[in-house]
Each structure stands twice: as structure tokens, then as C-alpha cells.
Amino acid sequence: MTGLSLGIDFGTTNTVVALAGPEGPARLAMFPAPEREVFAFRSALSFHAPPERPSERTVEAGPWAIEAYVEDPLETRFIQSFKSFAAQASFTETQILGRRYVFEDLLSAFLLKMREHVAGGTGDWPTRVIVGRPVTFAGGSPDETLALTRYEAAFRRLGFTEILYAYEPVGAAFFFARELTQDATVLVGDFGGGTSDFSIIRFTREGGEIRSTPLARSGVGVAGDAFDYRIIDQLVSPSLGKGSTYSSFGKTLPIPNRYYSAFARWDQLALMRASRDMREIRKLVREADEPEKIERLVETLDENYGYLLYRSISRLKESLSSQTSAEFRFEAGSISLARQVERTEFEGWIAPELALIETAVDQALDQAGLPPDGIDRVFLTGGSSLVPAVRDIFRRRFPAERIESGSELESIASGLALMGRERDLGRWTMRSTV
């Protein structure tokens, strides 16, 4: 594998791997998934052990994890969006089928299974890897050093001896720079599941080569998953008992909101079945003034409907990106929820997150010392960049002809791989201090 550069975009929702040689475009790793070949490998894990044979534990990742969950949801522990607690000191471990897993166990298990599934045997990777990282990790008070320490431990288990990290929007910028025909100052916005990140880079051509100078970066720990939570909070949680009451010792009390905060994090939802809160929720079925709603909550958690709910939310978001009105529908077991949703409603729900994203864009401009007209090109990538309200943030600042998007899932990994060609790689990457 001499001369190859490997880039890995480990995302909250999807993970993409790319390889680049000394010349030409980057090549994406492909995966022969059950339904069709894909390059975007879902960032999900499943753990399954038959009750009668608990020692026969199987671990799967990506589309195969989803397939295992769909086939046997009751006996399969399904985890997704686990990147979102990489920087959270409060997450120390989780128990899965009687075994303890720390974050690096989850990540290394995921990466190993992903490498096994690469089509054509291209999982024989070089020993140096450039890994994408957000500008700001997701979660409250994220610990960047902790996140990179966990990354380092997981990637070393795969045999990588040189592990470099680069900001995800910088990777996207390198991908976009291939299309530039003249010098340009570029603002890149990368919208993932857990974070929204921005970089401003000056690209110039010297001696037939593209040179690049980083000018600014900013980020905020909210993105697509936060949008999902707003939808759930408005459309689903009230039908599962949020805002309702229960009776205790002659008093009428509100159902605790904390039971519904887990819906903000898909990974947390998967953990609730074994929590103390779950025991309390079961008790509330007898005490609730609207017990049928709490019964729906219990069913959602017991039957592990998190992934099915996730798909319903994703379909609504996708529809509202191209339509001004769309139907939300969630059907699982005895639960059936449906309602028409206007795009303006959705935009009102996510207004707090939009404000944070807008502030981060302005912070990048301020850090670079540039007014909006000092930006020649704007490149938007990541799934949430397709949300019209997100795009409007940029339309208000920049002429429409300067804004481009595309390659929403492949740009970061490809850019990271192409970055490996840089003579002064230290300008663009960092090492863990471990």
C-alpha cells in the first residue's frame, strides 16, 4: 500500500473511507451491503446473543447492524450516533449483554467490522491514517482531549502506527479545491449529525500547484440530531406522556421531563431499557392520568423502536427539504402517529439551533477579519446542509452564485485522503498528545 493516503470521516450518522494515491482523485471504499453496494457506512453497532446461548455473541456494524436489529429487535442491542458522547466525561461505560464496553471498545469494534466488510479486499489499509474531527465536539462541555484520547486508543487497535487528525470542514475544503480554476477564499460549512463546523481557507495557485492557507475555524455542537429531537419533542413525546400528569398520595404531579430528554440522543435511547428511570416509568403506568400514553412510552423503549422512529424523522426532514408541507407518520407495534407538518412549523422548532449555527458562521468571518464580500466561494456539505433554513443563513450573507453544495457524504473523507499529499502536512493536521 506504499504511496497511498487513507482518510476516514467517522461521522455521527455515516462513516466514509477514502484512499488517494500520488495523483488523481480519491477512491472511496465500497461496501456490498445487504440491499445494495454503498460507500456511506452507517455509524451503528448491533450486539446479539440468543437467550438460550448467551456465549454465542455476534457483533455487527453499519448496514449489517441494521439488518440484525430488524430481524430480531428484542434480542439485539442496537446503538447509533455513539460518536456524540466521545467527548463526554459523563460517559464512562455501558453494559451490553452482560459485558462492559467503554467508548474505545465501541469505536474499535465498529472500525474492525467496517474494515471486514470493505468490498474487494481493500480493507488492507496503510499504517498512516488521517481522521476527521469536528471543530467542536457534540454535547455539553465537551472534552476535546478526552475525545482524541479515545479515538487514539481505538484506531491503534486496528494497527495504525501514525494517526493524524484534521478538522472535518478542512477535509471538505481540500475536496472542493480540486474544482477551483483561480485563487479564492473559501468558506466551508460541514453539517453532520452532531456538529456544524466551519473553516475559511485561502487557496492560491503557485507553479501549477494549489497552495492553501487556513484563515479561521469555528463550530457548534448542534446539527441534524438536534433537529431530530425538536421534531420528536413536538410530534412524538406528547403522545408518549410528555406534559401529562400522574397521581401520587392524593397529589397531581407532572410526568418528569427527563424521561423524554433521552430522545435528544439516539445512543441514550438505547441505554434506557436497563436504567432506573425505566423502572419508574413502568410504575407510572398504574399512576398516570393518561396511562395509554405511558404504555406507548414503555412499548417504544421495551421493543427498541428507536431506529424505526429515526427513519420516520429522517423521512420527514427529507420531505420538508423539497416540499413546504409533508406528512409525519410513525407506525410500530400498537403505536400509530400521523400529522401534517408545515415547513414553517419545523423552522420554528429548530430556531434555537439555527441561531447557534448563524453565530458560528459570523465567528468564523470575524476570526478571519473578513466581511461577507471577502468570501469568494461558499461550499456546503453534510446532510443537514440540505435543510432550506440552514441554506438561508448563507443566502442572507452571500450572493446565490457563490454558494455551492454537493458530494454531501463523500467530500470530507476524500479531502482527508487528498490532504495526505501535502508536503507540509503538519499545517493541516494534529496528533493526539497521548
Protein backbone atom coordinates (compact mmCIF):
# COMPACT_ATOMS: atom_id res chain seq x y z
CA MET A 1 0.00 0.00 0.00
CA THR A 2 3.03 2.30 -0.38
CA GLY A 3 2.18 5.79 -1.58
CA LEU A 4 -1.44 5.59 -0.53
CA SER A 5 -3.07 8.07 1.83
CA LEU A 6 -6.07 6.96 3.90
CA GLY A 7 -8.80 9.33 5.10
CA ILE A 8 -11.60 8.33 7.47
CA ASP A 9 -14.62 10.52 8.13
CA PHE A 10 -16.10 8.93 11.26
CA GLY A 11 -19.47 10.63 11.40
CA THR A 12 -22.36 10.67 13.82
CA THR A 13 -24.68 9.22 11.17
CA ASN A 14 -22.38 7.75 8.50
CA THR A 15 -18.71 6.85 8.16
CA VAL A 16 -16.84 7.15 4.86
CA VAL A 17 -13.36 5.89 3.96
CA ALA A 18 -11.23 7.13 1.04
CA LEU A 19 -7.81 6.27 -0.40
CA ALA A 20 -5.68 8.58 -2.53
CA GLY A 21 -2.51 7.83 -4.48
CA PRO A 22 0.14 10.34 -5.54
CA GLU A 23 -2.10 11.55 -8.40
CA GLY A 24 -5.72 11.58 -9.46
CA PRO A 25 -8.91 11.71 -7.41
CA ALA A 26 -9.50 9.91 -4.15
CA ARG A 27 -11.17 6.50 -4.31
CA LEU A 28 -13.98 5.63 -1.92
CA ALA A 29 -14.09 2.29 -0.13
CA MET A 30 -17.25 0.44 -1.11
CA PHE A 31 -19.34 -1.96 0.95
CA PRO A 32 -21.55 -4.73 -0.54
CA ALA A 33 -24.44 -4.04 1.85
CA PRO A 34 -27.45 -6.38 2.01
CA GLU A 35 -29.65 -4.18 -0.20
CA ARG A 36 -27.04 -2.55 -2.48
CA GLU A 37 -23.40 -1.51 -2.60
CA VAL A 38 -22.76 1.69 -0.62
CA PHE A 39 -19.86 3.93 0.34
CA ALA A 40 -21.63 5.65 3.26
CA PHE A 41 -21.37 3.10 6.08
CA ARG A 42 -23.99 3.75 8.78
CA SER A 43 -22.31 4.55 12.12
CA ALA A 44 -24.19 1.89 14.02
CA LEU A 45 -23.45 -1.24 16.03
CA SER A 46 -25.54 -4.27 16.96
CA PHE A 47 -24.90 -6.89 19.62
CA HIS A 48 -26.89 -10.10 19.56
CA ALA A 49 -26.85 -13.19 21.75
CA PRO A 50 -29.66 -15.79 21.80
CA PRO A 51 -31.07 -16.13 25.35
CA GLU A 52 -30.56 -19.88 25.22
CA ARG A 53 -26.91 -19.48 24.05
CA PRO A 54 -25.61 -16.23 25.59
CA SER A 55 -21.99 -17.13 24.83
CA GLU A 56 -22.72 -17.01 21.08
CA ARG A 57 -22.44 -13.25 20.89
CA THR A 58 -22.29 -11.63 17.45
CA VAL A 59 -21.29 -8.05 16.74
CA GLU A 60 -22.18 -6.23 13.53
CA ALA A 61 -21.79 -2.73 12.18
CA GLY A 62 -23.26 -0.47 9.51
CA PRO A 63 -26.00 -1.87 7.26
CA TRP A 64 -25.41 -5.33 8.71
CA ALA A 65 -26.14 -3.98 12.22
CA ILE A 66 -29.42 -2.57 10.95
CA GLU A 67 -30.28 -5.88 9.29
CA ALA A 68 -29.57 -7.77 12.54
CA TYR A 69 -31.76 -5.38 14.51
CA VAL A 70 -34.67 -5.57 12.05
CA GLU A 71 -34.54 -9.38 12.08
CA ASP A 72 -34.57 -9.70 15.87
CA PRO A 73 -35.19 -6.36 17.64
CA LEU A 74 -35.98 -7.87 21.04
CA GLU A 75 -32.72 -9.80 21.38
CA THR A 76 -30.49 -7.24 19.63
CA ARG A 77 -28.90 -4.23 21.29
CA PHE A 78 -28.71 -1.55 18.60
CA ILE A 79 -26.55 1.56 19.07
CA GLN A 80 -26.19 4.52 16.72
CA SER A 81 -24.89 8.09 16.96
CA PHE A 82 -22.37 6.93 19.56
CA LYS A 83 -19.84 9.47 18.29
CA SER A 84 -21.91 12.08 20.14
CA PHE A 85 -20.55 11.00 23.51
CA ALA A 86 -16.86 10.75 22.50
CA ALA A 87 -16.09 13.98 24.36
CA GLN A 88 -18.41 13.40 27.31
CA ALA A 89 -16.63 12.57 30.58
CA SER A 90 -20.03 11.54 31.99
CA PHE A 91 -20.00 8.54 29.65
CA THR A 92 -17.66 6.04 31.26
CA GLU A 93 -19.04 2.70 30.10
CA THR A 94 -22.14 0.81 29.11
CA GLN A 95 -23.23 -2.75 29.81
CA ILE A 96 -24.19 -4.73 26.71
CA LEU A 97 -25.43 -8.27 27.15
CA GLY A 98 -23.59 -8.55 30.44
CA ARG A 99 -20.28 -7.18 29.17
CA ARG A 100 -18.68 -3.80 29.92
CA TYR A 101 -17.84 -1.51 26.99
CA VAL A 102 -16.00 1.82 27.19
CA PHE A 103 -16.13 4.24 24.26
CA GLU A 104 -12.94 2.98 22.61
CA ASP A 105 -14.34 -0.57 22.73
CA LEU A 106 -17.38 0.56 20.78
CA LEU A 107 -15.34 2.54 18.24
CA SER A 108 -12.74 -0.17 17.66
CA ALA A 109 -15.46 -2.83 17.30
CA PHE A 110 -17.17 -0.61 14.75
CA LEU A 111 -13.99 0.09 12.77
CA LEU A 112 -12.91 -3.56 12.74
CA LYS A 113 -16.28 -4.73 11.42
CA MET A 114 -16.29 -1.93 8.85
CA ARG A 115 -12.86 -2.99 7.57
CA GLU A 116 -14.04 -6.59 7.31
CA HIS A 117 -16.91 -5.52 5.05
CA VAL A 118 -14.88 -3.48 2.54
CA ALA A 119 -15.50 -4.78 -0.98
CA GLY A 120 -12.67 -6.26 -2.99
CA GLY A 121 -10.35 -6.80 -0.04
CA THR A 122 -9.33 -3.13 0.08
CA GLY A 123 -9.52 -3.29 3.86
CA ASP A 124 -5.71 -3.85 3.73
CA TRP A 125 -5.01 -0.25 4.62
CA PRO A 126 -1.75 1.70 5.06
CA THR A 127 -0.41 2.25 8.56
CA ARG A 128 -0.94 6.03 8.46
CA VAL A 129 -4.45 7.45 8.65
CA ILE A 130 -5.88 10.96 8.64
CA VAL A 131 -9.05 11.04 10.75
CA GLY A 132 -11.64 13.78 10.56
CA ARG A 133 -12.65 15.51 13.79
CA PRO A 134 -15.25 18.22 14.44
CA VAL A 135 -14.17 21.75 15.28
CA THR A 136 -16.38 21.49 18.36
CA PHE A 137 -17.40 18.08 19.66
CA ALA A 138 -21.05 17.42 20.45
CA GLY A 139 -22.54 17.60 23.94
CA GLY A 140 -22.42 19.90 26.92
CA SER A 141 -18.90 20.98 27.96
CA PRO A 142 -17.15 18.64 25.50
CA ASP A 143 -13.65 17.47 26.50
CA GLU A 144 -11.60 17.55 23.29
CA THR A 145 -8.56 15.89 24.85
CA LEU A 146 -10.69 13.02 26.15
CA ALA A 147 -12.28 12.51 22.72
CA LEU A 148 -8.93 12.35 20.93
CA THR A 149 -7.53 10.01 23.60
CA ARG A 150 -10.45 7.66 22.97
CA TYR A 151 -10.02 7.94 19.20
CA GLU A 152 -6.31 7.19 19.52
CA ALA A 153 -6.86 4.02 21.54
CA ALA A 154 -9.48 2.72 19.10
CA PHE A 155 -7.51 3.43 15.91
CA ARG A 156 -4.32 1.91 17.32
CA ARG A 157 -6.20 -1.37 17.83
CA LEU A 158 -6.55 -1.53 14.04
CA GLY A 159 -2.77 -1.43 13.65
CA PHE A 160 -2.35 2.20 12.62
CA THR A 161 1.04 3.46 13.77
CA GLU A 162 0.65 7.08 12.62
CA ILE A 163 -2.69 8.67 13.44
CA LEU A 164 -3.28 12.27 12.38
CA TYR A 165 -6.38 14.39 12.92
CA ALA A 166 -7.77 17.15 10.74
CA TYR A 167 -10.83 19.33 11.10
CA GLU A 168 -13.73 17.94 9.08
CA PRO A 169 -14.53 21.17 7.17
CA VAL A 170 -10.86 21.42 6.19
CA GLY A 171 -11.14 17.97 4.65
CA ALA A 172 -14.19 19.15 2.71
CA ALA A 173 -12.24 22.24 1.59
CA PHE A 174 -9.47 20.10 0.11
CA PHE A 175 -12.07 18.15 -1.83
CA PHE A 176 -13.69 21.34 -3.11
CA ALA A 177 -10.32 22.91 -4.07
CA ARG A 178 -9.94 20.48 -6.99
CA GLU A 179 -12.67 22.42 -8.82
CA LEU A 180 -11.08 25.84 -8.38
CA THR A 181 -9.70 27.46 -11.55
CA GLN A 182 -8.40 30.61 -9.86
CA ASP A 183 -7.31 31.89 -6.46
CA ALA A 184 -10.19 32.02 -4.00
CA THR A 185 -11.06 32.48 -0.35
CA VAL A 186 -13.46 29.67 0.52
CA LEU A 187 -15.87 29.26 3.43
CA VAL A 188 -16.74 25.61 4.04
CA GLY A 189 -19.74 24.61 6.14
CA ASP A 190 -19.96 20.98 7.22
CA PHE A 191 -23.28 19.90 8.72
CA GLY A 192 -23.20 16.45 10.28
CA GLY A 193 -25.43 14.64 12.72
CA GLY A 194 -23.83 16.01 15.88
CA THR A 195 -21.90 19.15 14.92
CA SER A 196 -21.90 22.07 12.50
CA ASP A 197 -18.35 23.18 11.62
CA PHE A 198 -16.90 25.99 9.54
CA SER A 199 -13.50 26.80 8.06
CA ILE A 200 -12.25 29.68 5.94
CA ILE A 201 -9.28 28.85 3.72
CA ARG A 202 -7.37 30.85 1.10
CA PHE A 203 -6.43 28.79 -1.97
CA THR A 204 -3.80 30.06 -4.43
CA ARG A 205 -2.01 28.54 -7.42
CA GLU A 206 1.78 28.61 -7.49
CA GLY A 207 3.86 26.76 -10.05
CA GLY A 208 0.92 24.67 -11.14
CA GLU A 209 0.16 23.54 -7.56
CA ILE A 210 -2.68 24.58 -5.29
CA ARG A 211 -1.44 26.20 -2.09
CA SER A 212 -3.71 26.71 0.87
CA THR A 213 -3.67 28.91 3.95
CA PRO A 214 -6.13 28.43 6.83
CA LEU A 215 -7.69 31.70 7.99
CA ALA A 216 -10.36 30.74 10.55
CA ARG A 217 -12.45 27.96 12.01
CA SER A 218 -15.49 27.74 14.27
CA GLY A 219 -18.10 25.22 15.22
CA VAL A 220 -21.06 24.38 17.40
CA GLY A 221 -22.18 21.05 18.86
CA VAL A 222 -25.62 21.00 17.23
CA ALA A 223 -26.74 19.72 13.83
CA GLY A 224 -29.04 17.06 12.39
CA ASP A 225 -29.58 15.09 15.60
CA ALA A 226 -30.69 18.26 17.38
CA PHE A 227 -33.19 18.88 14.58
CA ASP A 228 -34.46 15.32 15.05
CA TYR A 229 -35.02 15.91 18.75
CA ARG A 230 -37.11 19.04 18.08
CA ILE A 231 -39.36 17.02 15.78
CA ILE A 232 -39.73 14.24 18.35
CA ASP A 233 -40.39 16.72 21.13
CA GLN A 234 -43.23 18.30 19.15
CA LEU A 235 -44.75 15.30 17.37
CA VAL A 236 -43.95 12.18 19.39
CA SER A 237 -43.22 12.87 23.07
CA PRO A 238 -46.68 14.37 23.84
CA SER A 239 -48.24 11.10 22.63
CA LEU A 240 -45.86 9.21 24.94
CA GLY A 241 -46.92 11.17 28.01
CA LYS A 242 -44.79 14.32 28.00
CA GLY A 243 -46.78 17.17 29.52
CA SER A 244 -49.28 14.82 31.16
CA THR A 245 -49.73 14.08 34.88
CA TYR A 246 -49.92 11.28 37.43
CA SER A 247 -51.41 10.92 40.89
CA SER A 248 -49.34 10.19 44.00
CA PHE A 249 -50.53 10.36 47.65
CA GLY A 250 -53.50 12.47 46.65
CA LYS A 251 -51.44 14.96 44.64
CA THR A 252 -51.41 15.55 40.90
CA LEU A 253 -47.84 15.79 39.62
CA PRO A 254 -46.27 16.31 36.17
CA ILE A 255 -44.64 13.37 34.41
CA PRO A 256 -40.85 14.08 34.69
CA ASN A 257 -39.46 15.66 31.53
CA ARG A 258 -36.16 13.80 31.97
CA TYR A 259 -37.77 10.64 30.62
CA TYR A 260 -38.04 12.37 27.26
CA SER A 261 -34.63 14.04 27.20
CA ALA A 262 -33.13 10.69 26.12
CA PHE A 263 -34.83 11.21 22.75
CA ALA A 264 -32.29 14.00 22.14
CA ARG A 265 -29.60 11.34 21.77
CA TRP A 266 -30.25 8.12 19.87
CA ASP A 267 -27.49 6.41 21.84
CA GLN A 268 -29.13 7.36 25.16
CA LEU A 269 -32.45 5.95 23.98
CA ALA A 270 -30.85 2.54 23.51
CA LEU A 271 -29.50 2.65 27.06
CA MET A 272 -32.77 3.45 28.83
CA ARG A 273 -34.17 -0.08 28.95
CA ALA A 274 -31.77 -1.04 31.74
CA SER A 275 -31.93 2.26 33.63
CA ARG A 276 -33.54 3.19 36.94
CA ASP A 277 -35.81 5.56 35.04
CA MET A 278 -37.27 2.57 33.19
CA ARG A 279 -38.42 1.01 36.45
CA GLU A 280 -40.07 4.30 37.41
CA ILE A 281 -41.78 4.57 34.04
CA ARG A 282 -43.30 1.11 34.38
CA LYS A 283 -44.70 2.08 37.77
CA LEU A 284 -46.23 5.24 36.26
CA VAL A 285 -48.47 3.14 34.00
CA ARG A 286 -50.59 2.43 37.11
CA GLU A 287 -50.49 6.02 38.39
CA ALA A 288 -50.75 8.12 35.21
CA ASP A 289 -53.91 10.09 34.48
CA GLU A 290 -53.50 9.07 30.82
CA PRO A 291 -51.99 5.58 31.18
CA GLU A 292 -52.29 4.77 27.49
CA LYS A 293 -49.61 7.39 26.75
CA ILE A 294 -47.16 5.92 29.25
CA GLU A 295 -47.90 2.46 27.86
CA ARG A 296 -46.77 3.77 24.46
CA LEU A 297 -43.55 5.05 26.04
CA VAL A 298 -42.89 1.68 27.66
CA GLU A 299 -43.56 -0.11 24.38
CA THR A 300 -41.25 2.24 22.45
CA LEU A 301 -38.40 1.54 24.86
CA ASP A 302 -39.08 -2.15 25.51
CA GLU A 303 -39.49 -3.01 21.85
CA ASN A 304 -36.45 -0.91 20.85
CA TYR A 305 -38.32 1.28 18.37
CA GLY A 306 -35.54 3.87 18.29
CA TYR A 307 -34.35 3.01 14.79
CA LEU A 308 -37.87 2.91 13.35
CA LEU A 309 -38.53 6.31 14.90
CA TYR A 310 -35.26 7.59 13.48
CA ARG A 311 -36.33 6.55 9.99
CA SER A 312 -39.68 8.31 10.33
CA ILE A 313 -37.96 11.52 11.43
CA SER A 314 -35.44 11.31 8.58
CA ARG A 315 -38.20 10.87 6.00
CA LEU A 316 -39.99 13.96 7.30
CA LYS A 317 -36.82 16.08 7.21
CA GLU A 318 -36.02 14.96 3.68
CA SER A 319 -39.56 15.72 2.51
CA LEU A 320 -39.55 19.18 4.09
CA SER A 321 -36.29 19.99 2.29
CA SER A 322 -38.10 19.81 -1.05
CA GLN A 323 -41.74 20.48 -0.04
CA THR A 324 -43.41 23.19 2.01
CA SER A 325 -45.61 20.61 3.74
CA ALA A 326 -45.23 16.89 4.45
CA GLU A 327 -46.82 14.12 6.48
CA PHE A 328 -45.12 12.71 9.55
CA ARG A 329 -46.01 9.06 10.14
CA PHE A 330 -44.66 6.68 12.76
CA GLU A 331 -46.11 3.19 12.98
CA ALA A 332 -44.65 0.43 15.12
CA GLY A 333 -46.43 -2.29 17.07
CA SER A 334 -49.59 -0.80 18.56
CA ILE A 335 -48.36 2.78 18.02
CA SER A 336 -49.66 4.80 15.09
CA LEU A 337 -48.94 8.54 14.89
CA ALA A 338 -49.57 10.77 11.89
CA ARG A 339 -49.75 14.53 11.33
CA GLN A 340 -49.22 17.02 8.54
CA VAL A 341 -46.26 19.33 9.21
CA GLU A 342 -45.59 22.68 7.57
CA ARG A 343 -42.03 23.65 6.79
CA THR A 344 -42.55 26.92 8.67
CA GLU A 345 -43.51 24.90 11.77
CA PHE A 346 -40.32 22.86 11.55
CA GLU A 347 -38.24 26.00 11.12
CA GLY A 348 -39.84 27.46 14.23
CA TRP A 349 -38.97 24.33 16.23
CA ILE A 350 -35.29 24.44 15.23
CA ALA A 351 -34.92 28.23 15.61
CA PRO A 352 -32.60 27.92 18.68
CA GLU A 353 -30.21 25.64 16.77
CA LEU A 354 -30.33 27.86 13.69
CA ALA A 355 -29.32 30.83 15.85
CA LEU A 356 -26.31 28.93 17.21
CA ILE A 357 -25.24 27.93 13.71
CA GLU A 358 -25.63 31.50 12.49
CA THR A 359 -23.45 32.77 15.33
CA ALA A 360 -20.74 30.24 14.48
CA VAL A 361 -20.69 31.39 10.84
CA ASP A 362 -20.22 35.01 11.95
CA GLN A 363 -17.49 33.94 14.39
CA ALA A 364 -15.53 32.40 11.53
CA LEU A 365 -15.84 35.61 9.49
CA ASP A 366 -14.78 37.73 12.48
CA GLN A 367 -11.80 35.46 13.20
CA ALA A 368 -10.66 35.74 9.58
CA GLY A 369 -11.16 39.50 9.67
CA LEU A 370 -13.33 39.34 6.57
CA PRO A 371 -16.70 40.82 5.65
CA PRO A 372 -19.09 38.53 3.75
CA ASP A 373 -18.00 40.02 0.42
CA GLY A 374 -14.44 38.90 1.23
CA ILE A 375 -15.55 35.29 0.64
CA ASP A 376 -15.27 34.21 -3.00
CA ARG A 377 -16.89 30.79 -2.71
CA VAL A 378 -19.06 29.00 -0.17
CA PHE A 379 -19.14 25.21 -0.12
CA LEU A 380 -21.81 23.48 1.97
CA THR A 381 -21.65 19.77 2.71
CA GLY A 382 -23.28 17.23 5.01
CA GLY A 383 -26.89 16.07 5.14
CA SER A 384 -28.28 19.00 7.13
CA SER A 385 -26.92 21.46 4.56
CA LEU A 386 -29.99 20.49 2.51
CA VAL A 387 -32.38 21.98 5.09
CA PRO A 388 -33.70 25.21 3.48
CA ALA A 389 -33.49 27.19 6.73
CA VAL A 390 -29.80 26.27 7.03
CA ARG A 391 -29.12 27.35 3.46
CA ASP A 392 -30.95 30.63 4.13
CA ILE A 393 -28.26 31.52 6.69
CA PHE A 394 -25.81 31.69 3.82
CA ARG A 395 -28.17 33.22 1.28
CA ARG A 396 -28.62 36.18 3.62
CA ARG A 397 -24.86 36.78 3.64
CA PHE A 398 -23.59 35.75 0.23
CA PRO A 399 -24.79 36.04 -3.38
CA ALA A 400 -26.51 32.85 -4.54
CA GLU A 401 -23.95 32.32 -7.34
CA ARG A 402 -21.14 31.96 -4.78
CA ILE A 403 -22.86 29.16 -2.84
CA GLU A 404 -22.27 25.57 -3.92
CA SER A 405 -23.02 22.17 -2.45
CA GLY A 406 -22.80 18.55 -3.37
CA SER A 407 -20.98 15.33 -2.51
CA GLU A 408 -22.67 15.67 0.88
CA LEU A 409 -21.31 12.37 2.19
CA GLU A 410 -18.02 11.83 0.37
CA SER A 411 -16.30 15.23 0.45
CA ILE A 412 -14.67 15.02 3.89
CA ALA A 413 -13.16 11.53 3.58
CA SER A 414 -11.93 12.27 0.05
CA GLY A 415 -10.44 15.58 1.16
CA LEU A 416 -8.68 13.95 4.12
CA ALA A 417 -7.11 11.38 1.80
CA LEU A 418 -6.03 14.09 -0.67
CA MET A 419 -4.57 16.07 2.23
CA GLY A 420 -2.04 13.28 2.66
CA ARG A 421 -0.25 14.55 -0.44
CA GLU A 422 0.62 17.85 1.23
CA ARG A 423 4.35 18.43 1.65
CA ASP A 424 3.78 20.26 4.93
CA LEU A 425 1.14 18.03 6.40
CA GLY A 426 1.72 19.48 9.85
CA ARG A 427 -0.02 22.70 8.79
CA TRP A 428 -3.28 20.84 8.39
CA THR A 429 -3.20 18.01 10.88
CA MET A 430 -2.56 17.44 14.57
CA ARG A 431 -1.51 14.50 16.67
CA SER A 432 -3.00 13.27 19.89
CA THR A 433 -0.97 14.23 22.94
CA VAL A 434 -1.32 10.68 24.29
